[in-house]
């Protein structure tokens, strides 16, 4: 679990980047030797350079993650204050300089820096950015999705949270925002797949959303709709009954209004579940 560190925390030595990322060599330029750098934030932190895993120090990981979440960059003073709020400005600035110094290899391959600002190097591929793009497309119902685009969306793993093992005040709102976005995207994906006749994939997408939040009403409704779209009315009816039992068991004591009085024959929360004859 990642905890805030002071500049004196001694978070270990970085594993160096592959040789091509150490800086320009004789007979080449920095441009033609620039490595392919990939940064993963979903499901956990991972950094790869030319396909090889790189293991930065804790302070360097926190810095890279923060800059990845702030695509327009941040001032040095703001970066230091966010990452080390428990320190006074002078010590926080020193901690930031330490984190920059401990970036593996040539830090220009990872961070674009000026005297005032820091920004993640623009050539770095961040998985969160790619997944957000897929989610935005799924949620824009005005944009149709062909078979190839649906296939890419299905292959995009929307089950993973943003740095789930990290506990950071500056990270929390990013985690909540991504979690809500991916859950809405999974529901939209299930609906699009049902419309396209991809019954199994539609059910699976809804189940992934339910696994992420077992009490999410819209996810359960989406699953019932996927069953109905596939013509599985018995499965839809049985699942809806089990969902009502879950609501009564889990929410009746704390939600006396809407859910405690939810009748056994109702069409579902919000009225979107169709009554089965």
Protein backbone atom coordinates (compact mmCIF):
# COMPACT_ATOMS: atom_id res chain seq x y z
CA UNK A 1 0.00 0.00 0.00
CA UNK A 2 1.49 3.31 -1.06
CA UNK A 3 1.88 5.88 1.70
CA UNK A 4 3.15 9.47 1.43
CA UNK A 5 6.89 9.76 1.96
CA UNK A 6 9.16 12.55 3.09
CA UNK A 7 12.31 13.36 1.21
CA UNK A 8 14.30 11.45 3.79
CA UNK A 9 12.24 8.27 3.57
CA UNK A 10 14.90 6.37 1.67
CA UNK A 11 12.63 4.54 -0.78
CA UNK A 12 15.35 2.48 -2.39
CA UNK A 13 17.26 2.53 -5.62
CA UNK A 14 15.59 2.56 -9.03
CA UNK A 15 16.09 -0.25 -11.48
CA UNK A 16 17.71 1.45 -14.49
CA UNK A 17 16.04 1.77 -17.86
CA UNK A 18 17.27 -0.38 -20.73
CA UNK A 19 20.42 0.90 -22.42
CA UNK A 20 18.51 2.70 -25.20
CA UNK A 21 16.83 4.87 -22.58
CA UNK A 22 19.98 5.94 -20.79
CA UNK A 23 20.61 8.80 -23.18
CA UNK A 24 21.99 9.40 -26.67
CA UNK A 25 25.05 7.43 -27.71
CA UNK A 26 27.74 8.06 -30.23
CA UNK A 27 26.46 7.79 -33.78
CA UNK A 28 22.84 8.49 -32.80
CA UNK A 29 20.59 11.25 -31.58
CA UNK A 30 18.19 11.47 -28.67
CA UNK A 31 15.26 11.40 -31.11
CA UNK A 32 16.11 8.22 -33.00
CA UNK A 33 17.02 6.39 -29.77
CA UNK A 34 13.91 7.40 -27.85
CA UNK A 35 12.46 4.25 -26.23
CA UNK A 36 8.85 3.11 -26.32
CA UNK A 37 7.55 3.80 -22.81
CA UNK A 38 4.27 2.42 -21.47
CA UNK A 39 2.75 3.39 -18.13
CA UNK A 40 -0.07 1.32 -16.62
CA UNK A 41 -2.21 2.68 -13.79
CA UNK A 42 -5.20 0.32 -14.02
CA UNK A 43 -5.07 -2.63 -11.65
CA UNK A 44 -1.73 -1.43 -10.31
CA UNK A 45 1.38 0.53 -11.30
CA UNK A 46 3.60 -0.81 -14.06
CA UNK A 47 6.23 0.88 -16.21
CA UNK A 48 7.74 -0.68 -19.33
CA UNK A 49 10.47 0.56 -21.59
CA UNK A 50 10.88 -1.15 -24.95
CA UNK A 51 8.84 -4.03 -23.56
CA UNK A 52 10.97 -4.49 -20.44
CA UNK A 53 9.66 -3.90 -16.92
CA UNK A 54 11.17 -0.95 -15.09
CA UNK A 55 10.87 -0.56 -11.32
CA UNK A 56 11.12 3.05 -10.13
CA UNK A 57 11.36 3.96 -6.47
CA UNK A 58 8.20 4.68 -4.50
CA UNK A 59 8.67 8.43 -4.74
CA UNK A 60 9.25 8.24 -8.49
CA UNK A 61 6.14 6.08 -8.95
CA UNK A 62 4.01 8.59 -7.06
CA UNK A 63 5.38 11.43 -9.19
CA UNK A 64 4.78 9.64 -12.49
CA UNK A 65 1.26 8.63 -11.47
CA UNK A 66 0.34 12.18 -10.49
CA UNK A 67 1.69 13.65 -13.73
CA UNK A 68 -0.14 10.98 -15.74
CA UNK A 69 -3.39 12.15 -14.14
CA UNK A 70 -2.63 15.81 -14.90
CA UNK A 71 -2.09 15.84 -18.69
CA UNK A 72 -1.55 19.60 -18.80
CA UNK A 73 1.23 19.39 -16.26
CA UNK A 74 1.69 21.13 -12.93
CA UNK A 75 3.95 23.72 -11.42
CA UNK A 76 6.80 22.35 -9.38
CA UNK A 77 5.50 24.00 -6.23
CA UNK A 78 2.01 22.56 -6.71
CA UNK A 79 3.40 19.09 -7.44
CA UNK A 80 5.46 19.17 -4.25
CA UNK A 81 2.51 20.40 -2.17
CA UNK A 82 0.20 17.69 -3.51
CA UNK A 83 2.64 14.82 -3.05
CA UNK A 84 4.02 15.91 0.33
CA UNK A 85 1.28 17.97 2.03
CA UNK A 86 2.64 17.16 5.49
CA UNK A 87 5.91 18.99 4.76
CA UNK A 88 6.66 22.69 4.67
CA UNK A 89 7.29 24.12 1.15
CA UNK A 90 11.07 23.97 1.41
CA UNK A 91 11.17 20.30 2.48
CA UNK A 92 8.44 19.35 -0.01
CA UNK A 93 10.52 20.94 -2.77
CA UNK A 94 13.53 18.94 -1.65
CA UNK A 95 11.44 15.75 -1.71
CA UNK A 96 10.37 16.54 -5.27
CA UNK A 97 13.96 17.08 -6.38
CA UNK A 98 14.85 13.72 -4.82
CA UNK A 99 12.00 11.98 -6.66
CA UNK A 100 13.11 13.54 -9.95
CA UNK A 101 16.71 12.54 -9.34
CA UNK A 102 15.63 8.95 -8.66
CA UNK A 103 13.70 8.56 -11.90
CA UNK A 104 15.31 5.64 -13.72
CA UNK A 105 17.64 6.38 -16.62
CA UNK A 106 17.51 9.68 -18.46
CA UNK A 107 14.56 11.46 -16.85
CA UNK A 108 13.87 13.44 -20.06
CA UNK A 109 12.39 10.22 -21.45
CA UNK A 110 9.83 10.25 -18.63
CA UNK A 111 9.22 13.86 -17.62
CA UNK A 112 9.22 17.11 -19.58
CA UNK A 113 10.50 19.75 -17.17
CA UNK A 114 11.17 23.46 -17.09
CA UNK A 115 12.25 25.70 -14.23
CA UNK A 116 8.58 26.17 -13.31
CA UNK A 117 6.56 23.19 -14.58
CA UNK A 118 6.57 19.41 -14.84
CA UNK A 119 4.67 17.23 -17.26
CA UNK A 120 4.68 13.58 -18.20
CA UNK A 121 6.63 13.09 -21.43
CA UNK A 122 4.13 13.25 -24.29
CA UNK A 123 5.38 10.10 -26.05
CA UNK A 124 4.50 7.88 -23.06
CA UNK A 125 1.47 5.65 -23.60
CA UNK A 126 -0.83 5.59 -20.55
CA UNK A 127 -3.42 2.80 -20.33
CA UNK A 128 -5.92 5.04 -18.50
CA UNK A 129 -5.96 7.49 -21.42
CA UNK A 130 -6.68 4.72 -23.91
CA UNK A 131 -9.44 3.20 -21.75
CA UNK A 132 -11.05 6.60 -21.20
CA UNK A 133 -11.21 7.06 -24.96
CA UNK A 134 -13.00 3.71 -25.40
CA UNK A 135 -15.39 4.53 -22.56
CA UNK A 136 -16.21 7.95 -24.03
CA UNK A 137 -17.02 6.37 -27.40
CA UNK A 138 -19.27 3.79 -25.77
CA UNK A 139 -21.17 6.44 -23.84
CA UNK A 140 -21.70 8.69 -26.86
CA UNK A 141 -24.83 7.01 -28.16
CA UNK A 142 -24.92 9.40 -31.13
CA UNK A 143 -21.85 7.59 -32.51
CA UNK A 144 -22.58 4.16 -34.02
CA UNK A 145 -20.09 1.35 -33.46
CA UNK A 146 -19.34 -1.15 -36.18
CA UNK A 147 -18.28 -4.74 -35.68
CA UNK A 148 -14.57 -3.90 -35.56
CA UNK A 149 -15.08 -1.10 -33.02
CA UNK A 150 -17.25 -3.33 -30.85
CA UNK A 151 -14.56 -5.98 -30.96
CA UNK A 152 -11.95 -3.49 -29.75
CA UNK A 153 -14.28 -2.35 -26.97
CA UNK A 154 -14.85 -5.95 -25.86
CA UNK A 155 -11.09 -6.59 -25.78
CA UNK A 156 -10.56 -3.45 -23.65
CA UNK A 157 -10.47 -4.58 -20.03
CA UNK A 158 -12.87 -2.29 -18.17
CA UNK A 159 -12.83 -4.39 -15.01
CA UNK A 160 -9.80 -2.75 -13.39
CA UNK A 161 -9.81 0.14 -10.94
CA UNK A 162 -7.27 2.96 -10.87
CA UNK A 163 -4.31 2.09 -8.62
CA UNK A 164 -6.61 0.16 -6.26
CA UNK A 165 -3.95 -0.51 -3.61
CA UNK A 166 -2.89 3.11 -3.27
CA UNK A 167 -4.23 5.34 -0.50
CA UNK A 168 -3.53 8.93 -1.42
CA UNK A 169 -5.70 11.99 -0.79
CA UNK A 170 -4.79 13.45 -4.21
CA UNK A 171 -5.72 10.20 -5.94
CA UNK A 172 -9.13 9.53 -4.43
CA UNK A 173 -11.27 11.73 -6.69
CA UNK A 174 -9.50 10.32 -9.77
CA UNK A 175 -10.28 6.80 -8.56
CA UNK A 176 -13.95 7.59 -7.99
CA UNK A 177 -14.28 9.34 -11.34
CA UNK A 178 -12.71 6.45 -13.27
CA UNK A 179 -14.76 3.85 -11.40
CA UNK A 180 -18.02 5.57 -12.30
CA UNK A 181 -16.93 6.08 -15.90
CA UNK A 182 -15.98 2.45 -16.43
CA UNK A 183 -19.21 1.17 -14.82
CA UNK A 184 -21.33 3.37 -17.07
CA UNK A 185 -19.21 2.27 -20.03
CA UNK A 186 -19.71 -1.42 -19.19
CA UNK A 187 -23.47 -0.92 -19.09
CA UNK A 188 -23.39 0.94 -22.41
CA UNK A 189 -21.19 -1.79 -23.89
CA UNK A 190 -23.66 -4.46 -22.79
CA UNK A 191 -26.54 -2.56 -24.39
CA UNK A 192 -24.64 -2.05 -27.65
CA UNK A 193 -23.66 -5.71 -27.75
CA UNK A 194 -27.26 -6.78 -27.20
CA UNK A 195 -28.38 -4.58 -30.09
CA UNK A 196 -25.67 -6.12 -32.28
CA UNK A 197 -26.74 -9.65 -31.35
CA UNK A 198 -23.64 -10.47 -29.32
CA UNK A 199 -25.67 -12.05 -26.53
CA UNK A 200 -22.90 -13.78 -24.61
CA UNK A 201 -20.60 -10.76 -24.62
CA UNK A 202 -23.51 -8.51 -23.56
CA UNK A 203 -24.23 -10.68 -20.53
CA UNK A 204 -20.53 -10.83 -19.65
CA UNK A 205 -20.14 -7.03 -19.75
CA UNK A 206 -23.12 -6.62 -17.42
CA UNK A 207 -21.72 -9.26 -15.05
CA UNK A 208 -18.38 -7.42 -14.90
CA UNK A 209 -20.22 -4.25 -13.83
CA UNK A 210 -22.16 -6.17 -11.17
CA UNK A 211 -18.96 -7.78 -9.87
CA UNK A 212 -17.51 -4.29 -9.43
CA UNK A 213 -20.56 -3.02 -7.54
CA UNK A 214 -22.98 -5.72 -6.42
CA UNK A 215 -25.68 -3.22 -5.37
CA UNK A 216 -25.57 -1.06 -8.50
CA UNK A 217 -29.18 -0.97 -9.69
CA UNK A 218 -28.48 -0.02 -13.30
CA UNK A 219 -25.97 -2.86 -13.71
CA UNK A 220 -28.55 -5.42 -12.60
CA UNK A 221 -31.13 -3.88 -14.92
CA UNK A 222 -28.63 -4.08 -17.77
CA UNK A 223 -28.07 -7.78 -17.12
CA UNK A 224 -31.82 -8.50 -17.14
CA UNK A 225 -32.13 -6.53 -20.40
CA UNK A 226 -29.29 -8.63 -21.90
CA UNK A 227 -31.08 -11.84 -20.92
CA UNK A 228 -34.32 -10.57 -22.46
CA UNK A 229 -32.60 -9.43 -25.66
CA UNK A 230 -31.18 -12.94 -26.03
CA UNK A 231 -34.65 -14.43 -25.54
CA UNK A 232 -33.80 -15.96 -22.16
CA UNK A 233 -36.94 -14.91 -20.31
CA UNK A 234 -36.72 -17.61 -17.65
CA UNK A 235 -33.14 -16.60 -16.81
CA UNK A 236 -34.22 -12.94 -16.67
CA UNK A 237 -37.15 -13.73 -14.39
CA UNK A 238 -35.02 -15.88 -12.06
CA UNK A 239 -32.28 -13.27 -11.88
CA UNK A 240 -34.72 -10.46 -11.20
CA UNK A 241 -36.20 -12.46 -8.32
CA UNK A 242 -32.73 -13.04 -6.84
CA UNK A 243 -31.97 -9.35 -7.17
CA UNK A 244 -35.13 -8.40 -5.29
CA UNK A 245 -34.08 -10.80 -2.52
CA UNK A 246 -30.63 -9.17 -2.43
CA UNK A 247 -32.18 -5.71 -2.08
CA UNK A 248 -34.48 -6.83 0.70
CA UNK A 249 -31.60 -8.52 2.53
CA UNK A 250 -29.00 -5.79 2.12
CA UNK A 251 -30.96 -2.53 1.97
CA UNK A 252 -34.24 -2.92 3.82
CA UNK A 253 -32.74 -1.83 7.12
CA UNK A 254 -30.99 1.24 5.72
CA UNK A 255 -33.21 2.28 2.81
CA UNK A 256 -36.77 2.32 4.17
CA UNK A 257 -38.14 4.46 1.38
CA UNK A 258 -37.69 3.36 -2.20
CA UNK A 259 -36.27 -0.14 -1.77
CA UNK A 260 -37.86 -1.40 1.45
CA UNK A 261 -41.30 -1.09 -0.14
CA UNK A 262 -40.25 -2.49 -3.53
CA UNK A 263 -43.09 -4.93 -4.37
CA UNK A 264 -42.39 -8.44 -5.56
CA UNK A 265 -44.20 -7.87 -8.85
CA UNK A 266 -42.59 -4.53 -9.71
CA UNK A 267 -40.83 -3.98 -12.98
CA UNK A 268 -37.60 -2.98 -11.26
CA UNK A 269 -35.92 0.20 -10.04
CA UNK A 270 -36.65 3.08 -12.34
CA UNK A 271 -39.21 1.02 -14.25
CA UNK A 272 -36.74 -0.14 -16.90
CA UNK A 273 -37.10 -3.89 -16.33
CA UNK A 274 -39.92 -5.24 -18.44
CA UNK A 275 -42.64 -7.27 -16.77
CA UNK A 276 -42.56 -10.88 -17.86
CA UNK A 277 -45.81 -12.50 -18.80
